[in-house]
Structures are given as C-alpha cells and as structure tokens.
Amino acid sequence: MGQVSQFIVQLEVKVENQWEPVVRYDCAHDFSHRDRYNWKGEQLKEHLNLPYAEALTLADEDIDEHWEIYMFEFLKGVYP
C-alpha cells in the first residue's frame, strides 16, 4: 500500500458565477491543516497535528458529514 505524500480536499460554493472556497484540508505548508473561509475571503487556519493519511481520512469524512453546515455558515457570513 502507498503512502500519502500530498493531499487537498476542498469544498466550494458558487457565488455570482464564481467558485469560492468554504473549507479546505491540505498539507501545503508541510503540515496537515484545515482552512475555513468566510465570504470576504478571510481565512482561519487550524493545525491538525495528524499524519497526512489520517488528515485525508478526516477531511473526507468531515466534509461528507458537515458540508451543509459549512455552506450555510459561509453563505450567512458566519465566521468560525
């Protein structure tokens, strides 16, 4: 079985014909983390302190289970 060396899982919403990020899990800065966004484009970064494979699994499960909440909060302007 292979190892996860990089990953990105992102939920987006289309606002006025443009796709905007709502929540993104990735390892772009050499650590696993989650970024939450508001409609102004402001970002809140949360370090996960997880190996990439575990963070990827968490990302898939979290977005699968909570996408409606994330979208609602984003569209209503709620910022975590």
PDB file of N, CA and C in Angstrom:
ATOM      1  N   MET A   1       0.841  -1.175   0.000  1.00  0.00           N
ATOM      2  CA  MET A   1       0.000   0.000   0.000  1.00  0.00           C
ATOM      3  C   MET A   1       0.890   1.244   0.000  1.00  0.00           C
ATOM      4  N   GLY A   2       0.465   2.283  -0.717  1.00  0.00           N
ATOM      5  CA  GLY A   2       1.245   3.513  -0.816  1.00  0.00           C
ATOM      6  C   GLY A   2       1.036   4.426   0.380  1.00  0.00           C
ATOM      7  N   GLN A   3       1.827   5.465   0.409  1.00  0.00           N
ATOM      8  CA  GLN A   3       1.730   6.459   1.456  1.00  0.00           C
ATOM      9  C   GLN A   3       1.199   7.756   0.868  1.00  0.00           C
ATOM     10  N   VAL A   4       0.499   8.527   1.685  1.00  0.00           N
ATOM     11  CA  VAL A   4       0.010   9.830   1.262  1.00  0.00           C
ATOM     12  C   VAL A   4       1.158  10.823   1.410  1.00  0.00           C
ATOM     13  N   SER A   5       1.576  11.407   0.292  1.00  0.00           N
ATOM     14  CA  SER A   5       2.678  12.366   0.344  1.00  0.00           C
ATOM     15  C   SER A   5       2.179  13.811   0.197  1.00  0.00           C
ATOM     16  N   GLN A   6       0.999  13.973  -0.390  1.00  0.00           N
ATOM     17  CA  GLN A   6       0.361  15.277  -0.542  1.00  0.00           C
ATOM     18  C   GLN A   6      -1.140  15.054  -0.641  1.00  0.00           C
ATOM     19  N   PHE A   7      -1.916  16.056  -0.221  1.00  0.00           N
ATOM     20  CA  PHE A   7      -3.355  15.950  -0.389  1.00  0.00           C
ATOM     21  C   PHE A   7      -3.996  17.330  -0.314  1.00  0.00           C
ATOM     22  N   ILE A   8      -5.177  17.424  -0.898  1.00  0.00           N
ATOM     23  CA  ILE A   8      -6.039  18.589  -0.752  1.00  0.00           C
ATOM     24  C   ILE A   8      -7.477  18.123  -0.951  1.00  0.00           C
ATOM     25  N   VAL A   9      -8.341  18.527  -0.034  1.00  0.00           N
ATOM     26  CA  VAL A   9      -9.773  18.263  -0.132  1.00  0.00           C
ATOM     27  C   VAL A   9     -10.444  19.604   0.126  1.00  0.00           C
ATOM     28  N   GLN A  10     -11.268  20.044  -0.828  1.00  0.00           N
ATOM     29  CA  GLN A  10     -11.835  21.386  -0.709  1.00  0.00           C
ATOM     30  C   GLN A  10     -13.313  21.383  -1.044  1.00  0.00           C
ATOM     31  N   LEU A  11     -14.078  22.119  -0.252  1.00  0.00           N
ATOM     32  CA  LEU A  11     -15.491  22.361  -0.512  1.00  0.00           C
ATOM     33  C   LEU A  11     -15.607  23.785  -1.028  1.00  0.00           C
ATOM     34  N   GLU A  12     -16.332  23.950  -2.142  1.00  0.00           N
ATOM     35  CA  GLU A  12     -16.507  25.270  -2.734  1.00  0.00           C
ATOM     36  C   GLU A  12     -17.991  25.543  -2.953  1.00  0.00           C
ATOM     37  N   VAL A  13     -18.336  26.824  -3.039  1.00  0.00           N
ATOM     38  CA  VAL A  13     -19.696  27.247  -3.347  1.00  0.00           C
ATOM     39  C   VAL A  13     -19.620  28.263  -4.486  1.00  0.00           C
ATOM     40  N   LYS A  14     -20.603  28.214  -5.368  1.00  0.00           N
ATOM     41  CA  LYS A  14     -20.636  29.158  -6.486  1.00  0.00           C
ATOM     42  C   LYS A  14     -21.425  30.393  -6.055  1.00  0.00           C
ATOM     43  N   VAL A  15     -20.755  31.540  -6.071  1.00  0.00           N
ATOM     44  CA  VAL A  15     -21.356  32.808  -5.679  1.00  0.00           C
ATOM     45  C   VAL A  15     -21.175  33.770  -6.850  1.00  0.00           C
ATOM     46  N   GLU A  16     -22.289  34.237  -7.391  1.00  0.00           N
ATOM     47  CA  GLU A  16     -22.257  35.177  -8.511  1.00  0.00           C
ATOM     48  C   GLU A  16     -21.323  34.694  -9.629  1.00  0.00           C
ATOM     49  N   ASN A  17     -21.523  33.469 -10.059  1.00  0.00           N
ATOM     50  CA  ASN A  17     -20.768  32.843 -11.153  1.00  0.00           C
ATOM     51  C   ASN A  17     -19.291  32.624 -10.857  1.00  0.00           C
ATOM     52  N   GLN A  18     -18.900  32.656  -9.605  1.00  0.00           N
ATOM     53  CA  GLN A  18     -17.503  32.386  -9.249  1.00  0.00           C
ATOM     54  C   GLN A  18     -17.463  31.377  -8.104  1.00  0.00           C
ATOM     55  N   TRP A  19     -16.594  30.389  -8.233  1.00  0.00           N
ATOM     56  CA  TRP A  19     -16.438  29.384  -7.193  1.00  0.00           C
ATOM     57  C   TRP A  19     -15.549  29.944  -6.081  1.00  0.00           C
ATOM     58  N   GLU A  20     -16.025  29.834  -4.837  1.00  0.00           N
ATOM     59  CA  GLU A  20     -15.303  30.340  -3.676  1.00  0.00           C
ATOM     60  C   GLU A  20     -15.031  29.197  -2.702  1.00  0.00           C
ATOM     61  N   PRO A  21     -13.839  29.134  -2.110  1.00  0.00           N
ATOM     62  CA  PRO A  21     -13.552  28.090  -1.126  1.00  0.00           C
ATOM     63  C   PRO A  21     -14.325  28.334   0.168  1.00  0.00           C
ATOM     64  N   VAL A  22     -14.822  27.256   0.743  1.00  0.00           N
ATOM     65  CA  VAL A  22     -15.545  27.303   2.010  1.00  0.00           C
ATOM     66  C   VAL A  22     -14.685  26.682   3.108  1.00  0.00           C
ATOM     67  N   VAL A  23     -14.208  25.482   2.846  1.00  0.00           N
ATOM     68  CA  VAL A  23     -13.313  24.787   3.771  1.00  0.00           C
ATOM     69  C   VAL A  23     -12.333  23.969   2.934  1.00  0.00           C
ATOM     70  N   ARG A  24     -11.081  23.953   3.376  1.00  0.00           N
ATOM     71  CA  ARG A  24     -10.059  23.189   2.650  1.00  0.00           C
ATOM     72  C   ARG A  24      -9.135  22.513   3.656  1.00  0.00           C
ATOM     73  N   TYR A  25      -8.884  21.257   3.404  1.00  0.00           N
ATOM     74  CA  TYR A  25      -7.881  20.491   4.141  1.00  0.00           C
ATOM     75  C   TYR A  25      -6.706  20.286   3.204  1.00  0.00           C
ATOM     76  N   ASP A  26      -5.492  20.508   3.687  1.00  0.00           N
ATOM     77  CA  ASP A  26      -4.325  20.245   2.855  1.00  0.00           C
ATOM     78  C   ASP A  26      -3.060  20.172   3.703  1.00  0.00           C
ATOM     79  N   CYS A  27      -1.937  20.039   2.995  1.00  0.00           N
ATOM     80  CA  CYS A  27      -0.628  19.960   3.649  1.00  0.00           C
ATOM     81  C   CYS A  27       0.351  20.894   2.942  1.00  0.00           C
ATOM     82  N   ALA A  28      -0.162  22.013   2.442  1.00  0.00           N
ATOM     83  CA  ALA A  28       0.624  22.921   1.606  1.00  0.00           C
ATOM     84  C   ALA A  28       1.823  23.540   2.322  1.00  0.00           C
ATOM     85  N   HIS A  29       1.811  23.613   3.615  1.00  0.00           N
ATOM     86  CA  HIS A  29       2.904  24.245   4.370  1.00  0.00           C
ATOM     87  C   HIS A  29       3.708  23.212   5.165  1.00  0.00           C
ATOM     88  N   ASP A  30       3.724  21.988   4.641  1.00  0.00           N
ATOM     89  CA  ASP A  30       4.439  20.864   5.254  1.00  0.00           C
ATOM     90  C   ASP A  30       3.846  20.436   6.597  1.00  0.00           C
ATOM     91  N   PHE A  31       2.564  20.712   6.808  1.00  0.00           N
ATOM     92  CA  PHE A  31       1.842  20.171   7.959  1.00  0.00           C
ATOM     93  C   PHE A  31       0.369  20.080   7.583  1.00  0.00           C
ATOM     94  N   SER A  32      -0.323  19.125   8.188  1.00  0.00           N
ATOM     95  CA  SER A  32      -1.745  18.965   7.886  1.00  0.00           C
ATOM     96  C   SER A  32      -2.533  20.055   8.609  1.00  0.00           C
ATOM     97  N   HIS A  33      -3.490  20.647   7.881  1.00  0.00           N
ATOM     98  CA  HIS A  33      -4.294  21.710   8.470  1.00  0.00           C
ATOM     99  C   HIS A  33      -5.617  21.868   7.722  1.00  0.00           C
ATOM    100  N   ARG A  34      -6.525  22.607   8.380  1.00  0.00           N
ATOM    101  CA  ARG A  34      -7.817  22.935   7.785  1.00  0.00           C
ATOM    102  C   ARG A  34      -7.931  24.448   7.722  1.00  0.00           C
ATOM    103  N   ASP A  35      -8.358  24.955   6.588  1.00  0.00           N
ATOM    104  CA  ASP A  35      -8.618  26.376   6.409  1.00  0.00           C
ATOM    105  C   ASP A  35     -10.120  26.563   6.250  1.00  0.00           C
ATOM    106  N   ARG A  36     -10.699  27.467   7.042  1.00  0.00           N
ATOM    107  CA  ARG A  36     -12.106  27.856   6.894  1.00  0.00           C
ATOM    108  C   ARG A  36     -12.114  29.281   6.376  1.00  0.00           C
ATOM    109  N   TYR A  37     -13.049  29.569   5.489  1.00  0.00           N
ATOM    110  CA  TYR A  37     -13.148  30.882   4.860  1.00  0.00           C
ATOM    111  C   TYR A  37     -14.519  31.484   5.111  1.00  0.00           C
ATOM    112  N   ASN A  38     -14.573  32.821   5.077  1.00  0.00           N
ATOM    113  CA  ASN A  38     -15.870  33.481   5.037  1.00  0.00           C
ATOM    114  C   ASN A  38     -16.037  34.105   3.668  1.00  0.00           C
ATOM    115  N   TRP A  39     -17.188  34.688   3.404  1.00  0.00           N
ATOM    116  CA  TRP A  39     -17.465  35.221   2.071  1.00  0.00           C
ATOM    117  C   TRP A  39     -16.593  36.420   1.718  1.00  0.00           C
ATOM    118  N   LYS A  40     -15.915  37.000   2.698  1.00  0.00           N
ATOM    119  CA  LYS A  40     -14.989  38.097   2.429  1.00  0.00           C
ATOM    120  C   LYS A  40     -13.610  37.578   2.017  1.00  0.00           C
ATOM    121  N   GLY A  41     -13.420  36.267   2.090  1.00  0.00           N
ATOM    122  CA  GLY A  41     -12.135  35.678   1.735  1.00  0.00           C
ATOM    123  C   GLY A  41     -11.180  35.563   2.915  1.00  0.00           C
ATOM    124  N   GLU A  42     -11.642  35.960   4.111  1.00  0.00           N
ATOM    125  CA  GLU A  42     -10.798  35.821   5.299  1.00  0.00           C
ATOM    126  C   GLU A  42     -10.667  34.347   5.637  1.00  0.00           C
ATOM    127  N   GLN A  43      -9.536  34.003   6.217  1.00  0.00           N
ATOM    128  CA  GLN A  43      -9.186  32.596   6.423  1.00  0.00           C
ATOM    129  C   GLN A  43      -8.810  32.347   7.875  1.00  0.00           C
ATOM    130  N   LEU A  44      -9.251  31.201   8.383  1.00  0.00           N
ATOM    131  CA  LEU A  44      -8.865  30.741   9.710  1.00  0.00           C
ATOM    132  C   LEU A  44      -8.175  29.396   9.538  1.00  0.00           C
ATOM    133  N   LYS A  45      -6.905  29.297   9.932  1.00  0.00           N
ATOM    134  CA  LYS A  45      -6.120  28.075   9.765  1.00  0.00           C
ATOM    135  C   LYS A  45      -6.080  27.316  11.094  1.00  0.00           C
ATOM    136  N   GLU A  46      -6.362  26.024  11.018  1.00  0.00           N
ATOM    137  CA  GLU A  46      -6.338  25.150  12.193  1.00  0.00           C
ATOM    138  C   GLU A  46      -5.346  24.016  11.952  1.00  0.00           C
ATOM    139  N   HIS A  47      -4.283  23.956  12.751  1.00  0.00           N
ATOM    140  CA  HIS A  47      -3.310  22.867  12.650  1.00  0.00           C
ATOM    141  C   HIS A  47      -3.982  21.582  13.123  1.00  0.00           C
ATOM    142  N   LEU A  48      -3.781  20.507  12.389  1.00  0.00           N
ATOM    143  CA  LEU A  48      -4.402  19.232  12.740  1.00  0.00           C
ATOM    144  C   LEU A  48      -3.474  18.321  13.534  1.00  0.00           C
ATOM    145  N   ASN A  49      -2.177  18.492  13.378  1.00  0.00           N
ATOM    146  CA  ASN A  49      -1.214  17.632  14.075  1.00  0.00           C
ATOM    147  C   ASN A  49      -1.503  16.150  13.832  1.00  0.00           C
ATOM    148  N   LEU A  50      -1.778  15.820  12.576  1.00  0.00           N
ATOM    149  CA  LEU A  50      -2.058  14.441  12.182  1.00  0.00           C
ATOM    150  C   LEU A  50      -1.159  14.061  11.005  1.00  0.00           C
ATOM    151  N   PRO A  51      -0.807  12.788  10.908  1.00  0.00           N
ATOM    152  CA  PRO A  51      -0.131  12.322   9.691  1.00  0.00           C
ATOM    153  C   PRO A  51      -1.052  12.564   8.489  1.00  0.00           C
ATOM    154  N   TYR A  52      -0.454  12.716   7.316  1.00  0.00           N
ATOM    155  CA  TYR A  52      -1.230  13.057   6.130  1.00  0.00           C
ATOM    156  C   TYR A  52      -2.363  12.070   5.849  1.00  0.00           C
ATOM    157  N   ALA A  53      -2.123  10.790   5.985  1.00  0.00           N
ATOM    158  CA  ALA A  53      -3.162   9.789   5.699  1.00  0.00           C
ATOM    159  C   ALA A  53      -4.357   9.961   6.635  1.00  0.00           C
ATOM    160  N   GLU A  54      -4.096  10.210   7.901  1.00  0.00           N
ATOM    161  CA  GLU A  54      -5.189  10.416   8.865  1.00  0.00           C
ATOM    162  C   GLU A  54      -5.923  11.718   8.586  1.00  0.00           C
ATOM    163  N   ALA A  55      -5.192  12.754   8.231  1.00  0.00           N
ATOM    164  CA  ALA A  55      -5.807  14.046   7.924  1.00  0.00           C
ATOM    165  C   ALA A  55      -6.685  13.936   6.674  1.00  0.00           C
ATOM    166  N   LEU A  56      -6.241  13.175   5.688  1.00  0.00           N
ATOM    167  CA  LEU A  56      -7.027  12.973   4.475  1.00  0.00           C
ATOM    168  C   LEU A  56      -8.335  12.253   4.791  1.00  0.00           C
ATOM    169  N   THR A  57      -8.269  11.221   5.598  1.00  0.00           N
ATOM    170  CA  THR A  57      -9.475  10.499   6.006  1.00  0.00           C
ATOM    171  C   THR A  57     -10.420  11.419   6.768  1.00  0.00           C
ATOM    172  N   LEU A  58      -9.868  12.184   7.704  1.00  0.00           N
ATOM    173  CA  LEU A  58     -10.673  13.144   8.467  1.00  0.00           C
ATOM    174  C   LEU A  58     -11.346  14.139   7.531  1.00  0.00           C
ATOM    175  N   ALA A  59     -10.609  14.667   6.563  1.00  0.00           N
ATOM    176  CA  ALA A  59     -11.147  15.652   5.619  1.00  0.00           C
ATOM    177  C   ALA A  59     -12.332  15.082   4.849  1.00  0.00           C
ATOM    178  N   ASP A  60     -12.153  13.895   4.289  1.00  0.00           N
ATOM    179  CA  ASP A  60     -13.239  13.259   3.533  1.00  0.00           C
ATOM    180  C   ASP A  60     -14.481  13.062   4.389  1.00  0.00           C
ATOM    181  N   GLU A  61     -14.282  12.541   5.581  1.00  0.00           N
ATOM    182  CA  GLU A  61     -15.419  12.265   6.464  1.00  0.00           C
ATOM    183  C   GLU A  61     -16.081  13.557   6.943  1.00  0.00           C
ATOM    184  N   ASP A  62     -15.278  14.545   7.327  1.00  0.00           N
ATOM    185  CA  ASP A  62     -15.824  15.799   7.841  1.00  0.00           C
ATOM    186  C   ASP A  62     -16.646  16.527   6.778  1.00  0.00           C
ATOM    187  N   ILE A  63     -16.098  16.678   5.593  1.00  0.00           N
ATOM    188  CA  ILE A  63     -16.826  17.388   4.540  1.00  0.00           C
ATOM    189  C   ILE A  63     -18.059  16.604   4.108  1.00  0.00           C
ATOM    190  N   ASP A  64     -17.942  15.295   4.037  1.00  0.00           N
ATOM    191  CA  ASP A  64     -19.095  14.451   3.711  1.00  0.00           C
ATOM    192  C   ASP A  64     -20.233  14.654   4.708  1.00  0.00           C
ATOM    193  N   GLU A  65     -19.905  14.700   5.991  1.00  0.00           N
ATOM    194  CA  GLU A  65     -20.908  14.780   7.044  1.00  0.00           C
ATOM    195  C   GLU A  65     -21.405  16.202   7.323  1.00  0.00           C
ATOM    196  N   HIS A  66     -20.572  17.214   7.080  1.00  0.00           N
ATOM    197  CA  HIS A  66     -20.907  18.573   7.519  1.00  0.00           C
ATOM    198  C   HIS A  66     -20.979  19.611   6.410  1.00  0.00           C
ATOM    199  N   TRP A  67     -20.990  19.204   5.156  1.00  0.00           N
ATOM    200  CA  TRP A  67     -20.944  20.166   4.064  1.00  0.00           C
ATOM    201  C   TRP A  67     -22.098  21.158   4.110  1.00  0.00           C
ATOM    202  N   GLU A  68     -23.284  20.695   4.510  1.00  0.00           N
ATOM    203  CA  GLU A  68     -24.438  21.603   4.553  1.00  0.00           C
ATOM    204  C   GLU A  68     -24.245  22.701   5.602  1.00  0.00           C
ATOM    205  N   ILE A  69     -23.693  22.340   6.739  1.00  0.00           N
ATOM    206  CA  ILE A  69     -23.426  23.326   7.796  1.00  0.00           C
ATOM    207  C   ILE A  69     -22.383  24.325   7.323  1.00  0.00           C
ATOM    208  N   TYR A  70     -21.303  23.832   6.725  1.00  0.00           N
ATOM    209  CA  TYR A  70     -20.251  24.714   6.221  1.00  0.00           C
ATOM    210  C   TYR A  70     -20.802  25.693   5.179  1.00  0.00           C
ATOM    211  N   MET A  71     -21.632  25.184   4.262  1.00  0.00           N
ATOM    212  CA  MET A  71     -22.200  26.041   3.222  1.00  0.00           C
ATOM    213  C   MET A  71     -23.136  27.091   3.839  1.00  0.00           C
ATOM    214  N   PHE A  72     -23.981  26.666   4.749  1.00  0.00           N
ATOM    215  CA  PHE A  72     -24.916  27.583   5.396  1.00  0.00           C
ATOM    216  C   PHE A  72     -24.157  28.695   6.121  1.00  0.00           C
ATOM    217  N   GLU A  73     -23.160  28.318   6.916  1.00  0.00           N
ATOM    218  CA  GLU A  73     -22.370  29.311   7.664  1.00  0.00           C
ATOM    219  C   GLU A  73     -21.669  30.279   6.714  1.00  0.00           C
ATOM    220  N   PHE A  74     -21.098  29.748   5.650  1.00  0.00           N
ATOM    221  CA  PHE A  74     -20.417  30.584   4.674  1.00  0.00           C
ATOM    222  C   PHE A  74     -21.363  31.598   4.046  1.00  0.00           C
ATOM    223  N   LEU A  75     -22.505  31.113   3.564  1.00  0.00           N
ATOM    224  CA  LEU A  75     -23.453  31.974   2.874  1.00  0.00           C
ATOM    225  C   LEU A  75     -24.124  32.983   3.802  1.00  0.00           C
ATOM    226  N   LYS A  76     -24.237  32.650   5.061  1.00  0.00           N
ATOM    227  CA  LYS A  76     -24.833  33.568   6.044  1.00  0.00           C
ATOM    228  C   LYS A  76     -23.798  34.527   6.633  1.00  0.00           C
ATOM    229  N   GLY A  77     -22.545  34.345   6.270  1.00  0.00           N
ATOM    230  CA  GLY A  77     -21.494  35.238   6.764  1.00  0.00           C
ATOM    231  C   GLY A  77     -20.973  34.883   8.139  1.00  0.00           C
ATOM    232  N   VAL A  78     -21.298  33.677   8.607  1.00  0.00           N
ATOM    233  CA  VAL A  78     -20.802  33.229   9.915  1.00  0.00           C
ATOM    234  C   VAL A  78     -19.344  32.832   9.742  1.00  0.00           C
ATOM    235  N   TYR A  79     -18.508  33.375  10.582  1.00  0.00           N
ATOM    236  CA  TYR A  79     -17.079  33.064  10.511  1.00  0.00           C
ATOM    237  C   TYR A  79     -16.686  32.321  11.759  1.00  0.00           C
ATOM    238  N   PRO A  80     -16.046  31.189  11.590  1.00  0.00           N
ATOM    239  CA  PRO A  80     -15.683  30.378  12.765  1.00  0.00           C
ATOM    240  C   PRO A  80     -14.752  31.099  13.728  1.00  0.00           C
TER     241      PRO A  80
END
